[in-house]
PDB file of N, CA and C in Angstrom:
ATOM      1  N   MET A   1      81.999  10.520  68.523  1.00  0.00           N
ATOM      2  CA  MET A   1      80.964  10.897  69.519  1.00  0.00           C
ATOM      3  C   MET A   1      80.919   9.646  70.565  1.00  0.00           C
ATOM      4  N   MET A   2      80.682   9.999  71.640  1.00  0.00           N
ATOM      5  CA  MET A   2      80.622   9.054  72.951  1.00  0.00           C
ATOM      6  C   MET A   2      79.617   9.569  73.813  1.00  0.00           C
ATOM      7  N   ASN A   3      78.774   8.405  74.213  1.00  0.00           N
ATOM      8  CA  ASN A   3      77.956   8.629  75.484  1.00  0.00           C
ATOM      9  C   ASN A   3      78.685   8.229  76.604  1.00  0.00           C
ATOM     10  N   VAL A   4      78.994   9.158  77.522  1.00  0.00           N
ATOM     11  CA  VAL A   4      79.689   8.964  78.664  1.00  0.00           C
ATOM     12  C   VAL A   4      79.015   8.064  79.877  1.00  0.00           C
ATOM     13  N   GLU A   5      77.668   8.076  79.494  1.00  0.00           N
ATOM     14  CA  GLU A   5      76.758   7.326  80.451  1.00  0.00           C
ATOM     15  C   GLU A   5      77.053   5.749  80.260  1.00  0.00           C
ATOM     16  N   ASN A   6      76.897   5.566  78.969  1.00  0.00           N
ATOM     17  CA  ASN A   6      77.018   3.889  78.752  1.00  0.00           C
ATOM     18  C   ASN A   6      78.195   3.669  77.913  1.00  0.00           C
ATOM     19  N   GLY A   7      79.003   4.484  77.648  1.00  0.00           N
ATOM     20  CA  GLY A   7      80.340   4.143  76.969  1.00  0.00           C
ATOM     21  C   GLY A   7      80.310   3.857  75.483  1.00  0.00           C
ATOM     22  N   ALA A   8      79.026   4.119  74.837  1.00  0.00           N
ATOM     23  CA  ALA A   8      78.726   3.895  73.463  1.00  0.00           C
ATOM     24  C   ALA A   8      79.528   5.055  72.746  1.00  0.00           C
ATOM     25  N   CYS A   9      80.111   4.400  71.713  1.00  0.00           N
ATOM     26  CA  CYS A   9      81.069   5.236  70.742  1.00  0.00           C
ATOM     27  C   CYS A   9      80.713   5.111  69.398  1.00  0.00           C
ATOM     28  N   CYS A  10      80.740   6.242  68.772  1.00  0.00           N
ATOM     29  CA  CYS A  10      80.579   6.229  67.225  1.00  0.00           C
ATOM     30  C   CYS A  10      81.354   7.292  66.492  1.00  0.00           C
ATOM     31  N   GLN A  11      81.752   6.855  65.263  1.00  0.00           N
ATOM     32  CA  GLN A  11      82.712   7.819  64.565  1.00  0.00           C
ATOM     33  C   GLN A  11      81.967   7.951  63.199  1.00  0.00           C
ATOM     34  N   PHE A  12      81.764   9.160  62.770  1.00  0.00           N
ATOM     35  CA  PHE A  12      81.033   9.626  61.623  1.00  0.00           C
ATOM     36  C   PHE A  12      81.960   9.854  60.438  1.00  0.00           C
ATOM     37  N   ASP A  13      81.383   9.497  59.218  1.00  0.00           N
ATOM     38  CA  ASP A  13      82.090  10.004  57.921  1.00  0.00           C
ATOM     39  C   ASP A  13      81.425  11.282  57.616  1.00  0.00           C
ATOM     40  N   ALA A  14      81.840  11.800  56.378  1.00  0.00           N
ATOM     41  CA  ALA A  14      81.388  13.143  56.052  1.00  0.00           C
ATOM     42  C   ALA A  14      79.893  13.332  56.131  1.00  0.00           C
ATOM     43  N   THR A  15      79.360  12.438  55.667  1.00  0.00           N
ATOM     44  CA  THR A  15      77.814  12.437  55.692  1.00  0.00           C
ATOM     45  C   THR A  15      77.261  12.425  56.929  1.00  0.00           C
ATOM     46  N   GLY A  16      77.703  11.536  57.853  1.00  0.00           N
ATOM     47  CA  GLY A  16      77.190  11.336  59.147  1.00  0.00           C
ATOM     48  C   GLY A  16      77.414  12.751  60.011  1.00  0.00           C
ATOM     49  N   THR A  17      78.553  13.156  59.542  1.00  0.00           N
ATOM     50  CA  THR A  17      78.914  14.581  60.335  1.00  0.00           C
ATOM     51  C   THR A  17      77.867  15.675  59.949  1.00  0.00           C
ATOM     52  N   GLU A  18      77.528  15.600  58.712  1.00  0.00           N
ATOM     53  CA  GLU A  18      76.760  16.561  58.132  1.00  0.00           C
ATOM     54  C   GLU A  18      75.199  16.369  58.770  1.00  0.00           C
ATOM     55  N   ILE A  19      74.740  15.169  58.853  1.00  0.00           N
ATOM     56  CA  ILE A  19      73.454  14.854  59.587  1.00  0.00           C
ATOM     57  C   ILE A  19      73.706  15.083  61.091  1.00  0.00           C
ATOM     58  N   TRP A  20      74.679  14.855  61.744  1.00  0.00           N
ATOM     59  CA  TRP A  20      74.921  15.175  63.126  1.00  0.00           C
ATOM     60  C   TRP A  20      74.803  16.717  63.342  1.00  0.00           C
ATOM     61  N   ASN A  21      75.502  17.543  62.350  1.00  0.00           N
ATOM     62  CA  ASN A  21      75.483  18.832  62.573  1.00  0.00           C
ATOM     63  C   ASN A  21      73.975  19.515  62.430  1.00  0.00           C
ATOM     64  N   ARG A  22      73.398  18.905  61.537  1.00  0.00           N
ATOM     65  CA  ARG A  22      71.868  19.435  61.442  1.00  0.00           C
ATOM     66  C   ARG A  22      70.996  18.948  62.503  1.00  0.00           C
ATOM     67  N   LEU A  23      71.369  18.137  63.356  1.00  0.00           N
ATOM     68  CA  LEU A  23      70.602  17.780  64.479  1.00  0.00           C
ATOM     69  C   LEU A  23      70.903  18.667  65.690  1.00  0.00           C
ATOM     70  N   GLU A  24      71.740  19.676  65.681  1.00  0.00           N
ATOM     71  CA  GLU A  24      71.943  20.592  66.755  1.00  0.00           C
ATOM     72  C   GLU A  24      70.763  21.129  67.172  1.00  0.00           C
ATOM     73  N   GLN A  25      69.742  21.474  66.455  1.00  0.00           N
ATOM     74  CA  GLN A  25      68.522  22.128  66.662  1.00  0.00           C
ATOM     75  C   GLN A  25      67.493  20.842  66.492  1.00  0.00           C
ATOM     76  N   PRO A  26      66.458  20.791  67.136  1.00  0.00           N
ATOM     77  CA  PRO A  26      65.373  19.880  66.699  1.00  0.00           C
ATOM     78  C   PRO A  26      65.001  20.030  65.472  1.00  0.00           C
ATOM     79  N   VAL A  27      64.888  19.027  64.670  1.00  0.00           N
ATOM     80  CA  VAL A  27      64.293  18.979  63.212  1.00  0.00           C
ATOM     81  C   VAL A  27      63.527  17.781  62.922  1.00  0.00           C
ATOM     82  N   GLU A  28      62.268  17.900  62.344  1.00  0.00           N
ATOM     83  CA  GLU A  28      61.643  16.793  61.790  1.00  0.00           C
ATOM     84  C   GLU A  28      62.434  16.051  60.690  1.00  0.00           C
ATOM     85  N   ILE A  29      62.299  14.649  60.938  1.00  0.00           N
ATOM     86  CA  ILE A  29      62.998  13.793  59.823  1.00  0.00           C
ATOM     87  C   ILE A  29      62.720  14.114  58.415  1.00  0.00           C
ATOM     88  N   GLY A  30      61.428  14.464  58.092  1.00  0.00           N
ATOM     89  CA  GLY A  30      61.063  14.742  56.801  1.00  0.00           C
ATOM     90  C   GLY A  30      61.844  15.972  56.270  1.00  0.00           C
ATOM     91  N   GLN A  31      61.881  16.952  57.176  1.00  0.00           N
ATOM     92  CA  GLN A  31      62.585  18.176  56.806  1.00  0.00           C
ATOM     93  C   GLN A  31      64.047  17.904  56.567  1.00  0.00           C
ATOM     94  N   LEU A  32      64.617  17.249  57.429  1.00  0.00           N
ATOM     95  CA  LEU A  32      66.108  16.843  57.515  1.00  0.00           C
ATOM     96  C   LEU A  32      66.360  16.219  56.058  1.00  0.00           C
ATOM     97  N   CYS A  33      65.444  15.200  55.727  1.00  0.00           N
ATOM     98  CA  CYS A  33      65.825  14.445  54.431  1.00  0.00           C
ATOM     99  C   CYS A  33      65.655  15.278  53.268  1.00  0.00           C
ATOM    100  N   ALA A  34      64.617  16.260  53.358  1.00  0.00           N
ATOM    101  CA  ALA A  34      64.526  17.184  52.082  1.00  0.00           C
ATOM    102  C   ALA A  34      65.655  18.179  51.920  1.00  0.00           C
ATOM    103  N   GLU A  35      66.074  18.560  53.102  1.00  0.00           N
ATOM    104  CA  GLU A  35      67.328  19.472  53.028  1.00  0.00           C
ATOM    105  C   GLU A  35      68.589  18.680  52.414  1.00  0.00           C
ATOM    106  N   LEU A  36      68.792  17.511  52.829  1.00  0.00           N
ATOM    107  CA  LEU A  36      69.951  16.715  52.454  1.00  0.00           C
ATOM    108  C   LEU A  36      69.657  16.218  50.941  1.00  0.00           C
ATOM    109  N   ALA A  37      68.371  16.077  50.637  1.00  0.00           N
ATOM    110  CA  ALA A  37      68.186  15.845  49.187  1.00  0.00           C
ATOM    111  C   ALA A  37      68.485  17.017  48.341  1.00  0.00           C
ATOM    112  N   ARG A  38      68.140  18.156  48.767  1.00  0.00           N
ATOM    113  CA  ARG A  38      68.479  19.228  47.943  1.00  0.00           C
ATOM    114  C   ARG A  38      70.111  19.525  47.972  1.00  0.00           C
ATOM    115  N   ALA A  39      70.643  19.504  49.157  1.00  0.00           N
ATOM    116  CA  ALA A  39      72.155  19.541  49.172  1.00  0.00           C
ATOM    117  C   ALA A  39      72.943  18.577  48.318  1.00  0.00           C
ATOM    118  N   TYR A  40      72.615  17.349  48.362  1.00  0.00           N
ATOM    119  CA  TYR A  40      73.293  16.413  47.780  1.00  0.00           C
ATOM    120  C   TYR A  40      72.633  16.064  46.231  1.00  0.00           C
ATOM    121  N   ASP A  41      71.605  16.537  46.094  1.00  0.00           N
ATOM    122  CA  ASP A  41      70.860  16.309  44.618  1.00  0.00           C
ATOM    123  C   ASP A  41      70.646  14.914  44.463  1.00  0.00           C
ATOM    124  N   GLY A  42      70.132  14.105  45.597  1.00  0.00           N
ATOM    125  CA  GLY A  42      69.860  12.756  45.608  1.00  0.00           C
ATOM    126  C   GLY A  42      68.402  12.360  45.715  1.00  0.00           C
ATOM    127  N   PRO A  43      68.193  11.217  45.392  1.00  0.00           N
ATOM    128  CA  PRO A  43      66.836  10.619  45.536  1.00  0.00           C
ATOM    129  C   PRO A  43      66.320  10.665  47.100  1.00  0.00           C
ATOM    130  N   ILE A  44      65.112  11.348  47.233  1.00  0.00           N
ATOM    131  CA  ILE A  44      64.480  11.515  48.506  1.00  0.00           C
ATOM    132  C   ILE A  44      64.377  10.096  49.203  1.00  0.00           C
ATOM    133  N   ASP A  45      63.968   9.109  48.479  1.00  0.00           N
ATOM    134  CA  ASP A  45      63.730   7.793  49.013  1.00  0.00           C
ATOM    135  C   ASP A  45      64.904   7.260  49.659  1.00  0.00           C
ATOM    136  N   ASP A  46      66.050   7.285  48.722  1.00  0.00           N
ATOM    137  CA  ASP A  46      67.269   6.700  49.360  1.00  0.00           C
ATOM    138  C   ASP A  46      67.866   7.419  50.544  1.00  0.00           C
ATOM    139  N   ILE A  47      67.768   8.809  50.504  1.00  0.00           N
ATOM    140  CA  ILE A  47      68.125   9.617  51.685  1.00  0.00           C
ATOM    141  C   ILE A  47      67.431   9.254  52.754  1.00  0.00           C
ATOM    142  N   ARG A  48      66.160   9.243  52.592  1.00  0.00           N
ATOM    143  CA  ARG A  48      65.306   8.812  53.927  1.00  0.00           C
ATOM    144  C   ARG A  48      65.692   7.541  54.518  1.00  0.00           C
ATOM    145  N   ARG A  49      65.906   6.507  53.537  1.00  0.00           N
ATOM    146  CA  ARG A  49      66.165   5.154  54.152  1.00  0.00           C
ATOM    147  C   ARG A  49      67.576   5.194  55.009  1.00  0.00           C
ATOM    148  N   ASP A  50      68.590   6.110  54.268  1.00  0.00           N
ATOM    149  CA  ASP A  50      69.883   6.082  54.826  1.00  0.00           C
ATOM    150  C   ASP A  50      70.032   6.977  56.149  1.00  0.00           C
ATOM    151  N   VAL A  51      69.022   8.038  56.222  1.00  0.00           N
ATOM    152  CA  VAL A  51      68.949   8.761  57.462  1.00  0.00           C
ATOM    153  C   VAL A  51      68.292   8.022  58.618  1.00  0.00           C
ATOM    154  N   LEU A  52      67.254   7.396  58.118  1.00  0.00           N
ATOM    155  CA  LEU A  52      66.561   6.640  59.132  1.00  0.00           C
ATOM    156  C   LEU A  52      67.431   5.602  59.802  1.00  0.00           C
ATOM    157  N   ALA A  53      68.178   4.881  59.038  1.00  0.00           N
ATOM    158  CA  ALA A  53      69.211   3.925  59.663  1.00  0.00           C
ATOM    159  C   ALA A  53      70.345   4.490  60.306  1.00  0.00           C
ATOM    160  N   PHE A  54      70.774   5.715  60.046  1.00  0.00           N
ATOM    161  CA  PHE A  54      71.761   6.276  60.873  1.00  0.00           C
ATOM    162  C   PHE A  54      71.203   6.783  62.112  1.00  0.00           C
ATOM    163  N   LEU A  55      69.948   7.322  62.043  1.00  0.00           N
ATOM    164  CA  LEU A  55      69.420   7.916  63.384  1.00  0.00           C
ATOM    165  C   LEU A  55      69.037   6.719  64.148  1.00  0.00           C
ATOM    166  N   SER A  56      68.712   5.436  63.712  1.00  0.00           N
ATOM    167  CA  SER A  56      68.498   4.415  64.551  1.00  0.00           C
ATOM    168  C   SER A  56      69.544   3.819  65.076  1.00  0.00           C
ATOM    169  N   GLY A  57      70.637   3.905  64.354  1.00  0.00           N
ATOM    170  CA  GLY A  57      71.992   3.362  65.187  1.00  0.00           C
ATOM    171  C   GLY A  57      72.340   4.331  66.118  1.00  0.00           C
ATOM    172  N   LEU A  58      72.140   5.746  66.003  1.00  0.00           N
ATOM    173  CA  LEU A  58      72.477   6.598  67.206  1.00  0.00           C
ATOM    174  C   LEU A  58      71.640   6.503  68.369  1.00  0.00           C
ATOM    175  N   ALA A  59      70.246   6.303  67.902  1.00  0.00           N
ATOM    176  CA  ALA A  59      69.313   6.083  68.970  1.00  0.00           C
ATOM    177  C   ALA A  59      69.557   4.828  69.739  1.00  0.00           C
ATOM    178  N   ALA A  60      69.987   3.653  69.045  1.00  0.00           N
ATOM    179  CA  ALA A  60      70.313   2.432  69.869  1.00  0.00           C
ATOM    180  C   ALA A  60      71.467   2.563  70.722  1.00  0.00           C
ATOM    181  N   ARG A  61      72.451   3.477  70.493  1.00  0.00           N
ATOM    182  CA  ARG A  61      73.513   3.797  71.416  1.00  0.00           C
ATOM    183  C   ARG A  61      73.228   5.003  72.256  1.00  0.00           C
ATOM    184  N   GLU A  62      71.970   5.419  72.334  1.00  0.00           N
ATOM    185  CA  GLU A  62      71.644   6.571  73.278  1.00  0.00           C
ATOM    186  C   GLU A  62      72.303   7.649  72.930  1.00  0.00           C
ATOM    187  N   LEU A  63      72.527   8.009  71.725  1.00  0.00           N
ATOM    188  CA  LEU A  63      73.398   9.205  71.423  1.00  0.00           C
ATOM    189  C   LEU A  63      72.366  10.435  70.834  1.00  0.00           C
ATOM    190  N   VAL A  64      71.069   9.861  70.391  1.00  0.00           N
ATOM    191  CA  VAL A  64      70.003  10.893  70.210  1.00  0.00           C
ATOM    192  C   VAL A  64      68.749  10.371  70.591  1.00  0.00           C
ATOM    193  N   VAL A  65      67.807  11.257  70.918  1.00  0.00           N
ATOM    194  CA  VAL A  65      66.645  10.898  71.372  1.00  0.00           C
ATOM    195  C   VAL A  65      65.634  11.595  70.573  1.00  0.00           C
ATOM    196  N   HIS A  66      64.286  11.099  70.410  1.00  0.00           N
ATOM    197  CA  HIS A  66      63.325  11.725  69.892  1.00  0.00           C
ATOM    198  C   HIS A  66      62.898  12.839  70.557  1.00  0.00           C
ATOM    199  N   ALA A  67      62.663  13.919  70.035  1.00  0.00           N
ATOM    200  CA  ALA A  67      62.246  15.244  70.872  1.00  0.00           C
ATOM    201  C   ALA A  67      61.124  15.002  71.666  1.00  0.00           C
ATOM    202  N   ASP A  68      60.056  14.274  71.286  1.00  0.00           N
ATOM    203  CA  ASP A  68      58.933  14.153  72.205  1.00  0.00           C
ATOM    204  C   ASP A  68      59.250  13.296  73.493  1.00  0.00           C
ATOM    205  N   ALA A  69      60.203  12.285  73.214  1.00  0.00           N
ATOM    206  CA  ALA A  69      60.727  11.518  74.332  1.00  0.00           C
ATOM    207  C   ALA A  69      61.582  12.504  75.347  1.00  0.00           C
ATOM    208  N   ALA A  70      62.352  13.361  74.951  1.00  0.00           N
ATOM    209  CA  ALA A  70      63.079  14.234  75.618  1.00  0.00           C
ATOM    210  C   ALA A  70      62.203  15.110  76.392  1.00  0.00           C
ATOM    211  N   VAL A  71      61.270  15.653  75.974  1.00  0.00           N
ATOM    212  CA  VAL A  71      60.237  16.526  76.470  1.00  0.00           C
ATOM    213  C   VAL A  71      59.570  15.675  77.647  1.00  0.00           C
ATOM    214  N   THR A  72      59.086  14.532  77.313  1.00  0.00           N
ATOM    215  CA  THR A  72      58.373  13.576  78.355  1.00  0.00           C
ATOM    216  C   THR A  72      59.346  13.194  79.343  1.00  0.00           C
ATOM    217  N   GLN A  73      60.648  12.901  79.157  1.00  0.00           N
ATOM    218  CA  GLN A  73      61.594  12.550  80.170  1.00  0.00           C
ATOM    219  C   GLN A  73      61.731  13.854  81.058  1.00  0.00           C
ATOM    220  N   GLY A  74      61.912  14.846  80.577  1.00  0.00           N
ATOM    221  CA  GLY A  74      62.073  16.135  81.366  1.00  0.00           C
ATOM    222  C   GLY A  74      60.973  16.362  82.365  1.00  0.00           C
ATOM    223  N   ALA A  75      59.831  16.344  81.792  1.00  0.00           N
ATOM    224  CA  ALA A  75      58.721  16.366  82.504  1.00  0.00           C
ATOM    225  C   ALA A  75      58.606  15.534  83.758  1.00  0.00           C
ATOM    226  N   GLU A  76      59.005  14.221  83.498  1.00  0.00           N
ATOM    227  CA  GLU A  76      58.889  13.219  84.453  1.00  0.00           C
ATOM    228  C   GLU A  76      59.917  13.551  85.608  1.00  0.00           C
ATOM    229  N   ALA A  77      61.011  13.970  85.254  1.00  0.00           N
ATOM    230  CA  ALA A  77      62.127  14.283  85.987  1.00  0.00           C
ATOM    231  C   ALA A  77      61.751  15.527  86.959  1.00  0.00           C
ATOM    232  N   GLY A  78      60.832  16.379  86.574  1.00  0.00           N
ATOM    233  CA  GLY A  78      60.396  17.526  87.326  1.00  0.00           C
ATOM    234  C   GLY A  78      59.497  17.258  88.370  1.00  0.00           C
ATOM    235  N   ARG A  79      58.839  15.859  88.312  1.00  0.00           N
ATOM    236  CA  ARG A  79      57.708  15.600  89.257  1.00  0.00           C
ATOM    237  C   ARG A  79      58.359  15.360  90.626  1.00  0.00           C
TER     238      ARG A  79
END
């Protein structure tokens, strides 16, 4: 994955790819973690910690944005 605007690049392992694919549509982090906990039969607290770390890394590289921020930025661009 690459952000062509800033050159940030990221390569995902299988779990990262699974999370990325689930982000195709906006999803609440709690819902995403619950779905992953069911899919991988893992402890929700561990999954939440790992998902938050993964998403924070993506956000730092501007590869994802919080849905509320995207809506706000879109509204400001239309002014």
